[in-house]
Amino acid sequence: MMRFLIKYETNNSDYKNATLNLSSSVTHNGSICGNDTQAALLAVQFGEGHSWSINFTKTNETYQGDFITFTYNTNDTAVFPDAKRRGPITIVVKDTMRPVQLNNVFVCHNTDSFEAENVTQIFWNVTVQAFVENGTIGKKESRCRADTPTSAPTVPPTVANVTTASTTTLSPAPTTAPKPVENPDTGNYSLKSGNKTCLLATVGLQLNVSQDKPLLININPKTTSADGTCGNTTATLKLNDGNSTLISFTFVVKNTSASIQKFYLKEVNVTLLNRLNGSVISNADNSNFSKWDAFLGSSYMCRKEQTLDINENLQLHTFNLWIQPFLVKANKFSTAQECSLDDDSILIPIVVGAALAGLIAIIVVAYIIGRRKSYAGYQTL
């Protein structure tokens, strides 16, 4: 099973998110089995001019996916009713599938996904074997990362509601207070460009989903993987928590003057998927942020809780944030610019100034009252 989340430009030059599903009619024209000298190719066509393919290569002992090619056709007005660019659009990405032993079947029941060029490709209930020998399907399975159990238990979502115990005619039962939701664990994430680290992030993340009922979801860093891209003026960090939650942060560089450059958080996208069938529960995007700004070459830090409003139904809370999306040196954070919430030293001059202002006001009032009394005494004499 496959599903595609596509971000496309509209005629109004803004961006929308579209969901493309496999239709009931799927063909596999052009697929080939491959051999020792030729790669295997699985190609499917569906809907109004959409197609997806993956080629497999092998060694003497293993096979693995090599490249995935996906073509979506924006002439499909049912999916892209107001697309600015019309016609087929093709993206080619390197598959991240681990090598599988020959004669083994690759299986991935849980949801797995990756993003490239404004497209999130989502897969689940996958069963495939390339280079089948003598027409016999293998009896051994090789599982994907998403199916592999982890040593750390998954943090279950917590519903922030209040329940009241039942009462009897003899005496009222006490009210059961809601179990407090703990702050999320802090995760450490990084991206590399070649052999060099190009982005560093330390943060605890908590989602607040306000639909039928408020729902708080802590992102578990032990089951979260990081992906993304680094650039000179744009960087994107994409997190997949293994629980079908995809979060991406986009940072850009701005010129504040001819010689001063700063970076800031510009966009956050959150996608919640149904773990069982890959359906999209919620997809929210806000590309109008101007937060977490710091001088280029430095890092941004905020230990206190911050809230990012993605839309009216979803918020993202951050804890113990430390981020540097550009110019990372020696795999370490550069000097941090702290947020105003952390800078307790700001309170000192404020308090001192307020105290001095109050003292001056008292002295002035006392002086005026004293002058009036002296003047009144002089008039009596």
Protein backbone atom coordinates (compact mmCIF):
# COMPACT_ATOMS: atom_id res chain seq x y z
CA MET A 1 0.00 0.00 0.00
CA MET A 2 1.18 3.49 -0.87
CA ARG A 3 0.02 7.04 -0.27
CA PHE A 4 1.60 10.34 -1.30
CA LEU A 5 1.40 13.75 0.38
CA ILE A 6 2.29 16.45 -2.15
CA LYS A 7 2.86 20.14 -1.55
CA TYR A 8 2.18 22.12 -4.73
CA GLU A 9 2.03 25.75 -5.83
CA THR A 10 -1.38 27.19 -6.72
CA ASN A 11 -2.40 29.84 -9.24
CA ASN A 12 -2.35 32.36 -6.39
CA SER A 13 1.35 31.56 -5.77
CA ASP A 14 0.63 30.06 -2.36
CA TYR A 15 1.04 26.38 -1.48
CA LYS A 16 -1.45 23.62 -0.74
CA ASN A 17 -1.15 20.02 0.40
CA ALA A 18 -2.72 17.26 -1.68
CA THR A 19 -3.14 13.57 -0.90
CA LEU A 20 -2.73 11.06 -3.73
CA ASN A 21 -3.95 7.51 -3.17
CA LEU A 22 -3.67 4.40 -5.28
CA SER A 23 -6.77 3.94 -7.38
CA SER A 24 -8.67 0.68 -7.67
CA SER A 25 -7.16 0.15 -11.12
CA VAL A 26 -3.39 -0.32 -11.00
CA THR A 27 -1.23 -1.65 -13.83
CA HIS A 28 2.39 -2.80 -13.75
CA ASN A 29 3.48 -2.33 -17.33
CA GLY A 30 7.24 -2.26 -17.86
CA SER A 31 8.13 -4.35 -14.81
CA ILE A 32 10.98 -6.81 -15.31
CA CYS A 33 12.36 -9.60 -13.14
CA GLY A 34 16.04 -8.88 -13.73
CA ASN A 35 18.98 -11.25 -13.61
CA ASP A 36 22.68 -11.32 -12.77
CA THR A 37 23.44 -8.57 -15.27
CA GLN A 38 20.18 -6.61 -15.33
CA ALA A 39 18.42 -4.78 -12.49
CA ALA A 40 14.90 -5.78 -11.54
CA LEU A 41 12.18 -3.15 -11.94
CA LEU A 42 8.80 -2.91 -10.27
CA ALA A 43 6.69 -0.26 -12.06
CA VAL A 44 3.07 0.64 -11.34
CA GLN A 45 0.73 3.10 -13.03
CA PHE A 46 -2.47 4.45 -11.48
CA GLY A 47 -5.01 7.25 -11.67
CA GLU A 48 -4.75 10.09 -14.19
CA GLY A 49 -1.17 9.72 -15.38
CA HIS A 50 0.56 8.91 -12.07
CA SER A 51 3.29 6.28 -11.78
CA TRP A 52 5.79 4.86 -9.29
CA SER A 53 8.71 2.51 -9.75
CA ILE A 54 11.65 1.02 -7.90
CA ASN A 55 14.62 -0.82 -9.31
CA PHE A 56 16.47 -3.53 -7.40
CA THR A 57 20.12 -4.47 -7.66
CA LYS A 58 21.85 -7.50 -6.17
CA THR A 59 25.17 -8.93 -5.11
CA ASN A 60 26.09 -12.57 -4.69
CA GLU A 61 24.30 -12.64 -1.33
CA THR A 62 21.82 -9.77 -1.08
CA TYR A 63 19.40 -7.55 -2.99
CA GLN A 64 18.14 -4.07 -2.18
CA GLY A 65 16.14 -1.18 -3.59
CA ASP A 66 18.27 1.28 -5.51
CA PHE A 67 16.27 4.24 -6.85
CA ILE A 68 12.61 5.18 -6.54
CA THR A 69 11.01 7.21 -9.33
CA PHE A 70 7.66 8.88 -8.71
CA THR A 71 5.69 10.87 -11.29
CA TYR A 72 2.54 12.78 -10.42
CA ASN A 73 0.44 14.56 -13.01
CA THR A 74 -0.95 17.94 -11.97
CA ASN A 75 -3.38 17.76 -14.91
CA ASP A 76 -5.39 15.54 -12.55
CA THR A 77 -7.76 18.33 -11.46
CA ALA A 78 -9.48 16.11 -8.90
CA VAL A 79 -6.26 16.10 -6.87
CA PHE A 80 -4.68 19.38 -8.05
CA PRO A 81 -7.65 21.66 -8.90
CA ASP A 82 -5.66 24.92 -8.91
CA ALA A 83 -2.08 23.88 -9.66
CA LYS A 84 0.02 26.62 -11.22
CA ARG A 85 2.28 24.15 -13.01
CA ARG A 86 0.48 21.67 -15.22
CA GLY A 87 1.74 18.32 -16.49
CA PRO A 88 3.81 15.40 -15.19
CA ILE A 89 6.39 16.12 -12.46
CA THR A 90 9.01 13.45 -11.72
CA ILE A 91 11.23 13.03 -8.67
CA VAL A 92 13.98 10.44 -8.24
CA VAL A 93 15.25 9.50 -4.79
CA LYS A 94 17.72 7.03 -3.39
CA ASP A 95 15.96 4.20 -1.57
CA THR A 96 16.94 3.67 2.08
CA MET A 97 16.06 -0.05 2.11
CA ARG A 98 18.64 -2.18 3.86
CA PRO A 99 20.17 -5.13 1.95
CA VAL A 100 18.02 -8.27 2.11
CA GLN A 101 19.37 -11.79 1.85
CA LEU A 102 18.65 -13.42 -1.49
CA ASN A 103 15.64 -15.78 -1.29
CA ASN A 104 14.29 -13.79 1.67
CA VAL A 105 11.00 -11.88 1.51
CA PHE A 106 11.12 -8.21 2.56
CA VAL A 107 8.16 -7.39 4.84
CA CYS A 108 7.07 -4.07 6.35
CA HIS A 109 3.64 -4.05 8.00
CA ASN A 110 4.05 -0.78 9.88
CA THR A 111 4.02 2.63 8.30
CA ASP A 112 7.31 3.81 6.85
CA SER A 113 7.90 7.04 4.96
CA PHE A 114 10.43 9.47 3.58
CA GLU A 115 10.32 12.96 2.09
CA ALA A 116 11.95 14.53 -0.97
CA GLU A 117 11.14 17.57 -3.10
CA ASN A 118 7.84 18.47 -1.41
CA VAL A 119 6.58 14.88 -1.57
CA THR A 120 6.13 12.50 1.37
CA GLN A 121 5.91 8.87 0.25
CA ILE A 122 4.15 6.60 2.74
CA PHE A 123 4.22 2.78 2.63
CA TRP A 124 2.64 0.04 4.74
CA ASN A 125 1.73 -3.66 4.44
CA VAL A 126 4.65 -4.15 2.04
CA THR A 127 5.67 -7.66 0.96
CA VAL A 128 8.20 -7.98 -1.86
CA GLN A 129 10.91 -10.31 -3.08
CA ALA A 130 13.18 -9.43 -5.95
CA PHE A 131 15.21 -11.94 -8.00
CA VAL A 132 12.98 -14.92 -7.17
CA GLU A 133 14.83 -18.13 -8.03
CA ASN A 134 13.08 -21.01 -9.82
CA GLY A 135 9.70 -19.36 -9.28
CA THR A 136 9.74 -20.24 -5.56
CA ILE A 137 8.88 -17.57 -2.99
CA GLY A 138 11.25 -17.52 -0.02
CA LYS A 139 10.11 -18.80 3.40
CA LYS A 140 12.28 -16.46 5.49
CA GLU A 141 11.38 -12.84 6.15
CA SER A 142 13.52 -9.73 6.53
CA ARG A 143 11.70 -7.00 8.45
CA CYS A 144 11.96 -3.24 7.97
CA ARG A 145 13.12 -0.88 10.72
CA ALA A 146 9.54 0.15 11.47
CA ASP A 147 8.64 -3.47 12.31
CA THR A 148 11.68 -3.99 14.51
CA PRO A 149 10.78 -3.66 18.21
CA THR A 150 12.83 -1.20 20.23
CA SER A 151 14.11 -1.61 23.77
CA ALA A 152 12.32 1.55 24.85
CA PRO A 153 8.53 1.32 25.12
CA THR A 154 6.50 3.65 22.95
CA VAL A 155 5.13 6.64 24.87
CA PRO A 156 1.35 6.41 24.54
CA PRO A 157 -0.67 9.53 23.73
CA THR A 158 -2.26 11.09 26.81
CA VAL A 159 -5.75 12.54 26.77
CA ALA A 160 -5.88 15.66 28.94
CA ASN A 161 -9.37 15.29 30.38
CA VAL A 162 -10.91 15.28 33.84
CA THR A 163 -12.89 12.27 35.02
CA THR A 164 -15.10 12.21 38.11
CA ALA A 165 -15.65 9.04 40.12
CA SER A 166 -19.21 7.80 40.57
CA THR A 167 -21.08 8.74 43.73
CA THR A 168 -23.40 6.88 46.08
CA THR A 169 -26.25 8.07 48.29
CA LEU A 170 -24.15 7.52 51.39
CA SER A 171 -21.17 9.72 50.64
CA PRO A 172 -19.80 11.40 47.54
CA ALA A 173 -16.73 9.83 46.00
CA PRO A 174 -13.71 12.09 45.56
CA THR A 175 -13.03 13.68 42.22
CA THR A 176 -10.25 11.94 40.31
CA ALA A 177 -7.73 14.50 39.12
CA PRO A 178 -6.26 14.06 35.66
CA LYS A 179 -2.86 12.47 35.57
CA PRO A 180 -0.38 15.23 34.79
CA VAL A 181 1.37 14.96 31.47
CA GLU A 182 5.12 14.87 31.92
CA ASN A 183 7.38 17.00 29.80
CA PRO A 184 8.84 15.08 26.84
CA ASP A 185 12.34 13.64 26.90
CA THR A 186 14.98 15.72 25.15
CA GLY A 187 16.37 14.30 21.91
CA ASN A 188 19.63 15.00 20.11
CA TYR A 189 19.47 15.20 16.32
CA SER A 190 21.98 16.02 13.59
CA LEU A 191 22.35 16.11 9.83
CA LYS A 192 25.46 15.57 7.74
CA SER A 193 26.58 16.84 4.37
CA GLY A 194 29.15 14.33 3.25
CA ASN A 195 31.29 13.61 6.29
CA LYS A 196 30.64 16.95 7.99
CA THR A 197 27.87 17.76 10.42
CA CYS A 198 25.80 20.61 8.98
CA LEU A 199 22.90 20.86 11.47
CA LEU A 200 22.59 20.25 15.20
CA ALA A 201 19.40 20.17 17.26
CA THR A 202 18.56 19.34 20.85
CA VAL A 203 14.88 19.58 21.77
CA GLY A 204 11.98 17.94 23.56
CA LEU A 205 8.75 17.96 21.53
CA GLN A 206 5.11 17.71 22.54
CA LEU A 207 2.07 17.95 20.25
CA ASN A 208 -1.23 19.42 21.41
CA VAL A 209 -4.00 18.25 19.10
CA SER A 210 -7.35 19.97 19.71
CA GLN A 211 -10.01 18.15 17.72
CA ASP A 212 -12.79 16.16 19.40
CA LYS A 213 -10.81 16.08 22.64
CA PRO A 214 -7.51 17.68 23.64
CA LEU A 215 -4.71 15.22 23.00
CA LEU A 216 -1.12 15.62 24.19
CA ILE A 217 1.50 13.50 22.42
CA ASN A 218 5.09 13.37 23.60
CA ILE A 219 7.61 12.62 20.86
CA ASN A 220 9.90 9.81 21.98
CA PRO A 221 13.49 10.59 20.89
CA LYS A 222 14.51 6.94 21.32
CA THR A 223 12.28 5.97 18.39
CA THR A 224 12.72 9.14 16.34
CA SER A 225 14.95 9.39 13.28
CA ALA A 226 16.24 12.57 11.66
CA ASP A 227 16.51 13.43 7.99
CA GLY A 228 16.59 16.61 5.95
CA THR A 229 18.77 18.90 3.89
CA CYS A 230 21.41 21.54 4.53
CA GLY A 231 22.12 24.58 2.38
CA ASN A 232 23.72 27.99 2.45
CA THR A 233 20.46 29.88 2.92
CA THR A 234 17.87 27.15 3.63
CA ALA A 235 17.94 24.09 5.89
CA THR A 236 15.24 21.56 6.74
CA LEU A 237 15.14 19.13 9.67
CA LYS A 238 12.62 16.29 9.30
CA LEU A 239 11.78 14.06 12.25
CA ASN A 240 9.92 10.74 12.09
CA ASP A 241 9.09 9.38 15.53
CA GLY A 242 8.31 5.84 14.35
CA ASN A 243 4.78 6.33 15.64
CA SER A 244 3.54 7.83 12.38
CA THR A 245 4.24 11.44 13.33
CA LEU A 246 6.22 13.48 10.84
CA ILE A 247 7.53 16.93 11.86
CA SER A 248 9.65 19.19 9.66
CA PHE A 249 11.32 22.50 10.50
CA THR A 250 12.53 24.87 7.76
CA PHE A 251 15.13 27.54 8.54
CA VAL A 252 16.20 30.41 6.28
CA VAL A 253 18.85 33.12 6.31
CA LYS A 254 17.93 36.81 6.14
CA ASN A 255 20.06 39.93 5.66
CA THR A 256 19.40 42.40 8.46
CA SER A 257 21.97 44.80 7.01
CA ALA A 258 24.71 44.86 4.38
CA SER A 259 27.11 42.98 6.67
CA ILE A 260 24.86 41.21 9.21
CA GLN A 261 22.98 37.96 8.54
CA LYS A 262 20.61 36.07 10.80
CA PHE A 263 18.80 32.76 10.56
CA TYR A 264 15.29 32.06 11.80
CA LEU A 265 12.57 29.40 11.81
CA LYS A 266 10.23 30.05 8.88
CA GLU A 267 8.03 26.96 8.50
CA VAL A 268 6.80 23.97 10.49
CA ASN A 269 4.84 21.05 9.03
CA VAL A 270 3.22 18.32 11.11
CA THR A 271 1.61 15.18 9.68
CA LEU A 272 -0.18 12.61 11.84
CA LEU A 273 -0.72 9.21 10.22
CA ASN A 274 -2.81 6.22 11.18
CA ARG A 275 -0.23 3.61 12.15
CA LEU A 276 -2.39 0.75 10.91
CA ASN A 277 -3.33 1.93 7.44
CA GLY A 278 -1.20 5.00 6.72
CA SER A 279 -4.19 7.32 6.34
CA VAL A 280 -3.66 10.97 7.17
CA ILE A 281 -5.28 11.89 10.48
CA SER A 282 -4.08 15.48 10.39
CA ASN A 283 -1.78 17.59 8.25
CA ALA A 284 -0.92 21.09 9.40
CA ASP A 285 1.52 23.64 8.01
CA ASN A 286 2.52 27.17 8.95
CA SER A 287 5.04 28.94 6.74
CA ASN A 288 4.74 32.38 8.34
CA PHE A 289 6.93 31.96 11.40
CA SER A 290 9.71 34.35 12.30
CA LYS A 291 11.07 32.73 15.45
CA TRP A 292 14.30 31.37 16.90
CA ASP A 293 16.41 34.03 15.20
CA ALA A 294 20.12 34.32 15.87
CA PHE A 295 23.21 35.62 14.12
CA LEU A 296 24.53 33.36 11.36
CA GLY A 297 27.38 31.28 12.76
CA SER A 298 25.87 31.13 16.25
CA SER A 299 23.18 28.90 17.78
CA TYR A 300 19.80 29.59 19.38
CA MET A 301 18.86 28.33 22.84
CA CYS A 302 15.66 28.37 24.87
CA ARG A 303 15.41 26.09 27.89
CA LYS A 304 11.90 27.20 28.84
CA GLU A 305 8.76 25.89 27.15
CA GLN A 306 7.75 27.59 23.90
CA THR A 307 4.58 27.14 21.87
CA LEU A 308 4.32 27.16 18.07
CA ASP A 309 0.77 27.57 16.74
CA ILE A 310 0.64 25.47 13.56
CA ASN A 311 -3.09 26.03 13.03
CA GLU A 312 -6.24 26.37 15.11
CA ASN A 313 -6.25 22.64 15.92
CA LEU A 314 -2.59 21.91 16.52
CA GLN A 315 0.22 23.33 18.62
CA LEU A 316 3.81 22.21 18.99
CA HIS A 317 5.51 22.73 22.36
CA THR A 318 9.31 22.76 22.59
CA PHE A 319 11.47 22.19 25.69
CA ASN A 320 15.22 22.55 26.24
CA LEU A 321 15.69 23.82 22.69
CA TRP A 322 19.18 24.30 21.25
CA ILE A 323 19.42 24.62 17.47
CA GLN A 324 22.06 25.50 14.91
CA PRO A 325 20.99 24.95 11.29
CA PHE A 326 23.97 26.63 9.59
CA LEU A 327 27.78 26.83 9.81
CA VAL A 328 28.34 24.03 12.32
CA LYS A 329 32.02 23.63 13.17
CA ALA A 330 33.77 20.61 14.68
CA ASN A 331 30.42 18.88 15.36
CA LYS A 332 29.71 21.34 18.20
CA PHE A 333 27.23 24.10 18.89
CA SER A 334 28.58 27.62 18.52
CA THR A 335 27.96 30.35 21.10
CA ALA A 336 24.26 30.46 21.87
CA GLN A 337 21.91 33.41 21.76
CA GLU A 338 19.36 32.77 24.49
CA CYS A 339 15.68 33.57 24.28
CA SER A 340 14.21 36.28 26.51
CA LEU A 341 12.39 33.60 28.53
CA ASP A 342 15.74 32.22 29.69
CA ASP A 343 17.47 35.54 30.32
CA ASP A 344 16.67 36.12 33.97
CA SER A 345 19.29 38.88 34.07
CA ILE A 346 16.82 41.12 32.22
CA LEU A 347 14.61 41.12 35.32
CA ILE A 348 17.32 42.60 37.52
CA PRO A 349 17.57 46.05 35.84
CA ILE A 350 13.78 46.11 35.46
CA VAL A 351 13.22 45.51 39.17
CA VAL A 352 15.98 47.91 40.19
CA GLY A 353 14.68 50.57 37.81
CA ALA A 354 11.14 50.18 39.07
CA ALA A 355 12.31 50.44 42.68
CA LEU A 356 14.34 53.58 41.94
CA ALA A 357 11.40 55.14 40.10
CA GLY A 358 9.13 54.42 43.04
CA LEU A 359 11.65 55.88 45.49
CA ILE A 360 12.03 59.03 43.40
CA ALA A 361 8.25 59.41 43.20
CA ILE A 362 7.95 59.11 47.01
CA ILE A 363 10.68 61.74 47.53
CA VAL A 364 9.05 64.12 45.06
CA VAL A 365 5.61 63.74 46.68
CA ALA A 366 7.08 64.22 50.16
CA TYR A 367 8.94 67.31 48.99
CA ILE A 368 5.79 68.82 47.47
CA ILE A 369 3.76 68.16 50.65
CA GLY A 370 6.53 69.65 52.77
CA ARG A 371 6.68 72.74 50.59
CA ARG A 372 2.92 73.22 50.84
CA LYS A 373 2.97 72.98 54.64
CA SER A 374 5.86 75.46 54.88
CA TYR A 375 4.03 77.87 52.59
CA ALA A 376 0.84 77.56 54.64
CA GLY A 377 2.75 78.29 57.88
CA TYR A 378 4.34 81.36 56.30
CA GLN A 379 0.92 82.68 55.24
CA THR A 380 -0.44 82.33 58.81
CA LEU A 381 2.41 84.34 60.27
